[in-house]
């Protein structure tokens, strides 16, 4: 049986998540062009040559009970979505689809990256037992246009 495209690319995002050096969450992302070719992959982790929480054996956010989705300035890592966009470059992201495995929401910072990169659709899957969630980037644009973000 041939695997459906969304499931196929989400499996690749899951594999990318295995490279994460974050103690709190392992997230992977894959950017796929309209031609179904992979443009880039990314995972959450520290920037190159920066000591990770994994190497330190502790996470400031875990130790201080900082809720997910808040106080990003306290984290050493770059999000998987951001890493994938950086790797691809904006020209390879235009009208592409992003697949994210490891969480079921997109933070406000990554929403901005996704919109700016020109990605058109996002598919999320929290874990192997979760349903696939589809987010249309036009809806993110409307959300970001809300005065609450001004």
C-alpha atoms as a PDB file:
ATOM      1  CA  UNK A   1       0.000   0.000   0.000  1.00  0.00           C
ATOM      2  CA  UNK A   2       1.339   3.405  -0.975  1.00  0.00           C
ATOM      3  CA  UNK A   3       1.544   5.902   1.879  1.00  0.00           C
ATOM      4  CA  UNK A   4      -0.490   9.098   1.439  1.00  0.00           C
ATOM      5  CA  UNK A   5       1.687  12.227   0.902  1.00  0.00           C
ATOM      6  CA  UNK A   6       0.824  13.953   4.192  1.00  0.00           C
ATOM      7  CA  UNK A   7       1.626  10.823   6.182  1.00  0.00           C
ATOM      8  CA  UNK A   8       4.845  10.325   4.215  1.00  0.00           C
ATOM      9  CA  UNK A   9       6.156  13.826   4.882  1.00  0.00           C
ATOM     10  CA  UNK A  10       5.032  13.754   8.523  1.00  0.00           C
ATOM     11  CA  UNK A  11       7.082  10.557   8.949  1.00  0.00           C
ATOM     12  CA  UNK A  12      10.074  12.473   7.591  1.00  0.00           C
ATOM     13  CA  UNK A  13       9.398  15.297  10.050  1.00  0.00           C
ATOM     14  CA  UNK A  14       9.275  12.679  12.807  1.00  0.00           C
ATOM     15  CA  UNK A  15      12.685  11.411  11.695  1.00  0.00           C
ATOM     16  CA  UNK A  16      14.042  14.979  11.678  1.00  0.00           C
ATOM     17  CA  UNK A  17      12.842  15.343  15.283  1.00  0.00           C
ATOM     18  CA  UNK A  18      15.231  12.565  16.315  1.00  0.00           C
ATOM     19  CA  UNK A  19      18.120  15.032  15.783  1.00  0.00           C
ATOM     20  CA  UNK A  20      16.759  17.431  18.409  1.00  0.00           C
ATOM     21  CA  UNK A  21      19.049  18.181  21.343  1.00  0.00           C
ATOM     22  CA  UNK A  22      16.232  19.672  23.422  1.00  0.00           C
ATOM     23  CA  UNK A  23      15.326  17.950  26.699  1.00  0.00           C
ATOM     24  CA  UNK A  24      11.791  19.306  26.713  1.00  0.00           C
ATOM     25  CA  UNK A  25      10.426  18.472  23.265  1.00  0.00           C
ATOM     26  CA  UNK A  26      11.634  16.837  20.078  1.00  0.00           C
ATOM     27  CA  UNK A  27      10.121  18.535  17.055  1.00  0.00           C
ATOM     28  CA  UNK A  28      10.917  18.089  13.377  1.00  0.00           C
ATOM     29  CA  UNK A  29       9.817  20.037  10.317  1.00  0.00           C
ATOM     30  CA  UNK A  30       9.967  19.398   6.569  1.00  0.00           C
ATOM     31  CA  UNK A  31       9.311  21.969   3.846  1.00  0.00           C
ATOM     32  CA  UNK A  32       7.974  20.483   0.607  1.00  0.00           C
ATOM     33  CA  UNK A  33       7.507  22.296  -2.688  1.00  0.00           C
ATOM     34  CA  UNK A  34       4.441  22.114  -4.887  1.00  0.00           C
ATOM     35  CA  UNK A  35       6.330  19.488  -6.895  1.00  0.00           C
ATOM     36  CA  UNK A  36       6.421  17.213  -3.800  1.00  0.00           C
ATOM     37  CA  UNK A  37      10.215  17.650  -3.520  1.00  0.00           C
ATOM     38  CA  UNK A  38      11.778  18.337  -0.131  1.00  0.00           C
ATOM     39  CA  UNK A  39      13.245  21.817   0.089  1.00  0.00           C
ATOM     40  CA  UNK A  40      14.598  21.598   3.652  1.00  0.00           C
ATOM     41  CA  UNK A  41      14.309  19.907   7.006  1.00  0.00           C
ATOM     42  CA  UNK A  42      14.743  21.274  10.504  1.00  0.00           C
ATOM     43  CA  UNK A  43      14.560  20.254  14.132  1.00  0.00           C
ATOM     44  CA  UNK A  44      14.511  22.153  17.379  1.00  0.00           C
ATOM     45  CA  UNK A  45      17.879  22.639  18.974  1.00  0.00           C
ATOM     46  CA  UNK A  46      20.595  25.081  19.808  1.00  0.00           C
ATOM     47  CA  UNK A  47      22.381  27.076  17.116  1.00  0.00           C
ATOM     48  CA  UNK A  48      25.594  25.533  15.801  1.00  0.00           C
ATOM     49  CA  UNK A  49      28.478  25.608  18.282  1.00  0.00           C
ATOM     50  CA  UNK A  50      26.202  26.547  21.226  1.00  0.00           C
ATOM     51  CA  UNK A  51      26.100  24.177  24.203  1.00  0.00           C
ATOM     52  CA  UNK A  52      22.715  22.469  24.355  1.00  0.00           C
ATOM     53  CA  UNK A  53      20.577  21.561  27.341  1.00  0.00           C
ATOM     54  CA  UNK A  54      21.205  17.950  26.364  1.00  0.00           C
ATOM     55  CA  UNK A  55      24.960  18.497  26.778  1.00  0.00           C
ATOM     56  CA  UNK A  56      24.398  20.418  30.025  1.00  0.00           C
ATOM     57  CA  UNK A  57      22.085  17.729  31.327  1.00  0.00           C
ATOM     58  CA  UNK A  58      19.467  20.262  32.378  1.00  0.00           C
ATOM     59  CA  UNK A  59      16.912  22.679  30.977  1.00  0.00           C
ATOM     60  CA  UNK A  60      16.240  26.075  32.506  1.00  0.00           C
ATOM     61  CA  UNK A  61      12.622  25.999  31.292  1.00  0.00           C
ATOM     62  CA  UNK A  62      11.955  22.611  32.888  1.00  0.00           C
ATOM     63  CA  UNK A  63      13.684  23.581  36.150  1.00  0.00           C
ATOM     64  CA  UNK A  64      11.588  26.749  36.386  1.00  0.00           C
ATOM     65  CA  UNK A  65       8.251  25.269  35.232  1.00  0.00           C
ATOM     66  CA  UNK A  66       7.960  27.705  32.329  1.00  0.00           C
ATOM     67  CA  UNK A  67       4.793  26.856  30.359  1.00  0.00           C
ATOM     68  CA  UNK A  68       5.125  25.821  26.751  1.00  0.00           C
ATOM     69  CA  UNK A  69       4.430  28.668  24.357  1.00  0.00           C
ATOM     70  CA  UNK A  70       5.725  31.375  26.717  1.00  0.00           C
ATOM     71  CA  UNK A  71       8.955  33.198  27.552  1.00  0.00           C
ATOM     72  CA  UNK A  72      10.877  32.104  24.456  1.00  0.00           C
ATOM     73  CA  UNK A  73      13.781  34.299  25.462  1.00  0.00           C
ATOM     74  CA  UNK A  74      14.626  31.763  28.190  1.00  0.00           C
ATOM     75  CA  UNK A  75      15.248  28.966  25.666  1.00  0.00           C
ATOM     76  CA  UNK A  76      18.580  28.119  24.039  1.00  0.00           C
ATOM     77  CA  UNK A  77      16.953  26.399  21.058  1.00  0.00           C
ATOM     78  CA  UNK A  78      15.752  27.468  17.657  1.00  0.00           C
ATOM     79  CA  UNK A  79      12.363  26.000  16.713  1.00  0.00           C
ATOM     80  CA  UNK A  80      12.181  23.286  14.050  1.00  0.00           C
ATOM     81  CA  UNK A  81      10.039  25.502  11.816  1.00  0.00           C
ATOM     82  CA  UNK A  82      12.557  28.328  12.000  1.00  0.00           C
ATOM     83  CA  UNK A  83      15.487  26.009  11.309  1.00  0.00           C
ATOM     84  CA  UNK A  84      13.776  24.562   8.231  1.00  0.00           C
ATOM     85  CA  UNK A  85      12.964  28.032   6.866  1.00  0.00           C
ATOM     86  CA  UNK A  86      16.532  29.213   7.459  1.00  0.00           C
ATOM     87  CA  UNK A  87      17.880  26.127   5.675  1.00  0.00           C
ATOM     88  CA  UNK A  88      15.531  26.504   2.700  1.00  0.00           C
ATOM     89  CA  UNK A  89      15.661  30.242   2.218  1.00  0.00           C
ATOM     90  CA  UNK A  90      12.619  32.290   1.296  1.00  0.00           C
ATOM     91  CA  UNK A  91      12.823  31.562  -2.436  1.00  0.00           C
ATOM     92  CA  UNK A  92      12.420  27.814  -1.839  1.00  0.00           C
ATOM     93  CA  UNK A  93       9.553  28.307   0.640  1.00  0.00           C
ATOM     94  CA  UNK A  94       7.189  30.211  -1.641  1.00  0.00           C
ATOM     95  CA  UNK A  95       3.905  28.287  -1.965  1.00  0.00           C
ATOM     96  CA  UNK A  96       5.453  25.305  -0.170  1.00  0.00           C
ATOM     97  CA  UNK A  97       3.872  23.119   2.495  1.00  0.00           C
ATOM     98  CA  UNK A  98       5.385  22.574   5.936  1.00  0.00           C
ATOM     99  CA  UNK A  99       5.004  19.337   7.874  1.00  0.00           C
ATOM    100  CA  UNK A 100       5.633  19.431  11.632  1.00  0.00           C
ATOM    101  CA  UNK A 101       5.864  16.438  13.941  1.00  0.00           C
ATOM    102  CA  UNK A 102       6.148  16.786  17.710  1.00  0.00           C
ATOM    103  CA  UNK A 103       3.569  19.384  18.654  1.00  0.00           C
ATOM    104  CA  UNK A 104       0.029  20.397  17.788  1.00  0.00           C
ATOM    105  CA  UNK A 105       0.324  24.169  17.703  1.00  0.00           C
ATOM    106  CA  UNK A 106       2.471  26.825  16.086  1.00  0.00           C
ATOM    107  CA  UNK A 107       3.899  29.514  18.345  1.00  0.00           C
ATOM    108  CA  UNK A 108       3.466  33.177  17.476  1.00  0.00           C
ATOM    109  CA  UNK A 109       7.130  33.529  16.492  1.00  0.00           C
ATOM    110  CA  UNK A 110       6.980  30.634  14.044  1.00  0.00           C
ATOM    111  CA  UNK A 111       3.671  31.869  12.637  1.00  0.00           C
ATOM    112  CA  UNK A 112       5.467  35.066  11.637  1.00  0.00           C
ATOM    113  CA  UNK A 113       8.337  33.104  10.053  1.00  0.00           C
ATOM    114  CA  UNK A 114       5.909  30.887   8.133  1.00  0.00           C
ATOM    115  CA  UNK A 115       3.933  33.833   6.766  1.00  0.00           C
ATOM    116  CA  UNK A 116       7.071  35.789   5.830  1.00  0.00           C
ATOM    117  CA  UNK A 117       8.589  32.752   4.089  1.00  0.00           C
ATOM    118  CA  UNK A 118       5.538  32.410   1.814  1.00  0.00           C
ATOM    119  CA  UNK A 119       4.519  28.932   2.977  1.00  0.00           C
ATOM    120  CA  UNK A 120       0.876  28.220   2.092  1.00  0.00           C
ATOM    121  CA  UNK A 121      -0.128  25.189   4.194  1.00  0.00           C
ATOM    122  CA  UNK A 122       1.010  23.517   7.409  1.00  0.00           C
ATOM    123  CA  UNK A 123       0.260  19.997   8.611  1.00  0.00           C
ATOM    124  CA  UNK A 124       0.854  19.143  12.268  1.00  0.00           C
ATOM    125  CA  UNK A 125       0.949  15.891  14.155  1.00  0.00           C
ATOM    126  CA  UNK A 126       1.682  15.809  17.892  1.00  0.00           C
ATOM    127  CA  UNK A 127       2.582  12.125  18.141  1.00  0.00           C
ATOM    128  CA  UNK A 128       1.869   8.761  16.550  1.00  0.00           C
ATOM    129  CA  UNK A 129      -1.569   8.606  18.187  1.00  0.00           C
ATOM    130  CA  UNK A 130      -2.718  12.062  17.075  1.00  0.00           C
ATOM    131  CA  UNK A 131      -4.797  13.105  14.125  1.00  0.00           C
ATOM    132  CA  UNK A 132      -3.191  15.239  11.421  1.00  0.00           C
ATOM    133  CA  UNK A 133      -4.160  18.899  11.726  1.00  0.00           C
ATOM    134  CA  UNK A 134      -4.208  21.127   8.614  1.00  0.00           C
ATOM    135  CA  UNK A 135      -3.647  24.866   8.943  1.00  0.00           C
ATOM    136  CA  UNK A 136      -4.101  27.208   6.017  1.00  0.00           C
ATOM    137  CA  UNK A 137      -1.560  30.024   6.218  1.00  0.00           C
ATOM    138  CA  UNK A 138      -4.145  32.556   5.039  1.00  0.00           C
ATOM    139  CA  UNK A 139      -5.866  31.912   8.398  1.00  0.00           C
ATOM    140  CA  UNK A 140      -2.601  32.654  10.215  1.00  0.00           C
ATOM    141  CA  UNK A 141      -2.337  35.944   8.307  1.00  0.00           C
ATOM    142  CA  UNK A 142      -5.839  36.891   9.477  1.00  0.00           C
ATOM    143  CA  UNK A 143      -4.932  35.961  13.049  1.00  0.00           C
ATOM    144  CA  UNK A 144      -1.763  38.081  12.916  1.00  0.00           C
ATOM    145  CA  UNK A 145      -3.802  41.003  11.560  1.00  0.00           C
ATOM    146  CA  UNK A 146      -5.866  40.978  14.756  1.00  0.00           C
ATOM    147  CA  UNK A 147      -5.240  44.182  16.802  1.00  0.00           C
ATOM    148  CA  UNK A 148      -4.280  42.041  19.829  1.00  0.00           C
ATOM    149  CA  UNK A 149      -0.863  41.502  18.150  1.00  0.00           C
ATOM    150  CA  UNK A 150      -0.227  45.210  17.565  1.00  0.00           C
END
